[in-house]
Amino acid sequence: MADEKEKKEEPKKVVPKEHTNVINFLVKQKKIDTGDTMRLSTHTESLKVQLDDQQVLEAADQLTRALDLIVAIEEEKKETVANFTAKTKAAEGEALGLTNRGRNKWDYAKIDCVQAMDNTKGCVIEVRLDTMAVTSERAMNAEERQSKFYWPDEDKENK
């Protein structure tokens, strides 16, 4: 008895109910024997489950919303790409213009000009007003030769 007193009683281990159910199931399936030493642990795993009709309908609704979202995102993407493409082309145009200005050392600008039609000589001459330089000189076409010139003095006589 003294030996028995020295021996401490091990506390009984409380086995969770789900473990007891698993052990009984495995014994019944003859996968284990009743006296086998086992170590059981509980964890969660993603496994295949059968869906009921309501769950299938919910999944279909979610799929429809997801597809609608994809279409909306694609439309937004197209608009964004078009916007950036336009911005890029504008920037490229500006860069090309600046490149040409630097390379050629000239550019186009709106300049006031006067077109002089000489009916006696039958020519049209265009003159820049900023530098008084002749920008073009050409022969009058048939329509221009047939047109009547109105001079400021003629306007006073016609009145």
Protein backbone atom coordinates (compact mmCIF):
# COMPACT_ATOMS: atom_id res chain seq x y z
CA MET A 1 0.00 0.00 0.00
CA ALA A 2 2.86 2.29 0.64
CA ASP A 3 3.85 1.89 -2.97
CA GLU A 4 0.36 2.74 -3.97
CA LYS A 5 0.46 5.95 -1.93
CA GLU A 6 3.71 6.94 -3.52
CA LYS A 7 2.19 6.39 -6.87
CA LYS A 8 0.25 9.43 -7.76
CA GLU A 9 -2.95 8.95 -9.54
CA GLU A 10 -2.85 10.45 -12.99
CA PRO A 11 -5.75 12.75 -13.58
CA LYS A 12 -8.26 11.45 -16.03
CA LYS A 13 -7.97 13.09 -19.39
CA VAL A 14 -11.14 14.63 -20.64
CA VAL A 15 -11.64 13.67 -24.26
CA PRO A 16 -13.75 16.04 -26.32
CA LYS A 17 -16.97 14.52 -27.55
CA GLU A 18 -16.02 14.90 -31.25
CA HIS A 19 -12.83 12.91 -30.58
CA THR A 20 -14.83 10.16 -28.85
CA ASN A 21 -17.21 10.07 -31.82
CA VAL A 22 -14.26 9.83 -34.26
CA ILE A 23 -12.65 7.04 -32.25
CA ASN A 24 -15.92 5.07 -32.13
CA PHE A 25 -16.40 5.62 -35.88
CA LEU A 26 -12.87 4.42 -36.69
CA VAL A 27 -13.28 1.34 -34.45
CA LYS A 28 -16.59 0.56 -36.14
CA GLN A 29 -14.96 0.94 -39.55
CA LYS A 30 -12.15 -1.37 -38.30
CA LYS A 31 -9.53 1.27 -39.04
CA ILE A 32 -8.22 1.12 -35.45
CA ASP A 33 -8.52 -1.15 -32.44
CA THR A 34 -10.03 -0.08 -29.12
CA GLY A 35 -6.73 -0.25 -27.24
CA ASP A 36 -4.66 1.71 -29.79
CA THR A 37 -2.75 4.72 -28.52
CA MET A 38 -3.97 7.75 -30.43
CA ARG A 39 -3.14 11.38 -30.67
CA LEU A 40 -6.09 13.43 -31.89
CA SER A 41 -6.16 17.09 -32.81
CA THR A 42 -8.87 19.28 -34.24
CA HIS A 43 -8.31 21.60 -37.18
CA THR A 44 -10.26 23.16 -40.03
CA GLU A 45 -9.84 22.26 -43.69
CA SER A 46 -11.57 23.28 -46.93
CA LEU A 47 -13.42 20.27 -48.26
CA LYS A 48 -16.02 19.69 -50.96
CA VAL A 49 -19.66 20.01 -49.80
CA GLN A 50 -22.94 19.64 -51.69
CA LEU A 51 -24.90 22.92 -52.12
CA ASP A 52 -28.66 23.10 -51.67
CA ASP A 53 -30.91 24.95 -54.17
CA GLN A 54 -30.87 28.19 -52.18
CA GLN A 55 -27.05 28.23 -52.07
CA VAL A 56 -26.92 27.59 -55.83
CA LEU A 57 -29.25 30.56 -56.44
CA GLU A 58 -27.12 32.79 -54.20
CA ALA A 59 -23.98 31.72 -56.10
CA ALA A 60 -25.70 32.54 -59.42
CA ASP A 61 -26.67 36.00 -58.11
CA GLN A 62 -23.11 36.62 -56.95
CA LEU A 63 -21.79 35.51 -60.35
CA THR A 64 -24.13 37.94 -62.13
CA ARG A 65 -22.95 40.82 -59.93
CA ALA A 66 -19.31 39.85 -60.51
CA LEU A 67 -19.79 39.76 -64.30
CA ASP A 68 -21.56 43.14 -64.22
CA LEU A 69 -18.63 44.53 -62.24
CA ILE A 70 -16.18 43.17 -64.84
CA VAL A 71 -18.10 44.91 -67.64
CA ALA A 72 -18.15 48.20 -65.69
CA ILE A 73 -14.42 47.96 -64.97
CA GLU A 74 -13.68 47.26 -68.65
CA GLU A 75 -15.71 50.34 -69.68
CA GLU A 76 -13.87 52.47 -67.14
CA LYS A 77 -10.58 51.05 -68.44
CA LYS A 78 -11.49 51.97 -72.04
CA GLU A 79 -12.37 55.53 -70.99
CA THR A 80 -9.16 55.84 -68.99
CA VAL A 81 -7.03 54.49 -71.84
CA ALA A 82 -8.74 56.83 -74.33
CA ASN A 83 -8.14 59.77 -71.99
CA PHE A 84 -4.46 58.93 -71.55
CA THR A 85 -4.06 58.27 -75.29
CA ALA A 86 -5.44 61.74 -76.04
CA LYS A 87 -3.15 63.31 -73.43
CA THR A 88 -0.17 61.40 -74.85
CA LYS A 89 -0.93 62.48 -78.43
CA ALA A 90 -1.28 66.10 -77.33
CA ALA A 91 2.05 65.94 -75.49
CA GLU A 92 3.70 64.24 -78.48
CA GLY A 93 2.34 66.95 -80.80
CA GLU A 94 3.70 69.66 -78.55
CA ALA A 95 7.07 67.91 -78.31
CA LEU A 96 7.23 67.52 -82.10
CA GLY A 97 6.44 71.21 -82.57
CA LEU A 98 9.13 72.20 -80.08
CA THR A 99 11.60 69.84 -81.74
CA ASN A 100 10.91 71.40 -85.14
CA ARG A 101 11.26 74.91 -83.71
CA GLY A 102 14.62 74.02 -82.19
CA ARG A 103 15.89 72.18 -85.24
CA ASN A 104 14.59 74.54 -87.94
CA LYS A 105 14.79 77.75 -85.93
CA TRP A 106 11.35 78.83 -87.20
CA ASP A 107 7.68 78.22 -86.43
CA TYR A 108 4.25 79.08 -87.76
CA ALA A 109 2.32 82.01 -86.27
CA LYS A 110 -0.79 84.02 -87.16
CA ILE A 111 0.48 87.10 -89.03
CA ASP A 112 -1.67 89.87 -90.53
CA CYS A 113 -1.16 90.15 -94.28
CA VAL A 114 -2.49 92.25 -97.16
CA GLN A 115 -3.39 90.76 -100.50
CA ALA A 116 -2.85 93.16 -103.41
CA MET A 117 -4.55 92.37 -106.75
CA ASP A 118 -2.92 94.25 -109.64
CA ASN A 119 -5.48 94.17 -112.45
CA THR A 120 -3.09 95.95 -114.82
CA LYS A 121 -0.33 93.38 -114.47
CA GLY A 122 -2.76 90.50 -113.73
CA CYS A 123 -1.04 89.36 -110.54
CA VAL A 124 -1.85 88.85 -106.85
CA ILE A 125 0.79 89.75 -104.28
CA GLU A 126 0.60 88.97 -100.56
CA VAL A 127 2.63 91.09 -98.11
CA ARG A 128 3.29 90.49 -94.41
CA LEU A 129 2.43 93.54 -92.31
CA ASP A 130 4.95 92.79 -89.55
CA THR A 131 8.02 92.74 -91.85
CA MET A 132 6.56 94.19 -95.08
CA ALA A 133 7.97 91.15 -96.91
CA VAL A 134 6.30 89.60 -99.95
CA THR A 135 5.09 86.12 -98.94
CA SER A 136 3.63 85.08 -102.29
CA GLU A 137 3.19 86.38 -105.81
CA ARG A 138 1.10 84.67 -108.49
CA ALA A 139 -0.89 85.33 -111.64
CA MET A 140 -4.59 86.10 -111.28
CA ASN A 141 -6.91 83.22 -112.06
CA ALA A 142 -9.80 83.63 -114.53
CA GLU A 143 -12.37 84.44 -111.84
CA GLU A 144 -10.15 87.10 -110.30
CA ARG A 145 -9.54 88.74 -113.72
CA GLN A 146 -13.33 89.00 -114.29
CA SER A 147 -14.12 90.48 -110.86
CA LYS A 148 -14.78 94.22 -110.58
CA PHE A 149 -12.58 96.21 -108.22
CA TYR A 150 -14.33 98.62 -105.92
CA TRP A 151 -12.25 101.54 -104.78
CA PRO A 152 -13.19 103.74 -101.82
CA ASP A 153 -13.77 106.68 -104.21
CA GLU A 154 -16.27 104.63 -106.22
CA ASP A 155 -18.32 103.99 -103.09
CA LYS A 156 -18.79 107.79 -102.69
CA GLU A 157 -19.80 108.18 -106.34
CA ASN A 158 -22.34 105.31 -106.15
CA LYS A 159 -24.14 106.91 -103.22
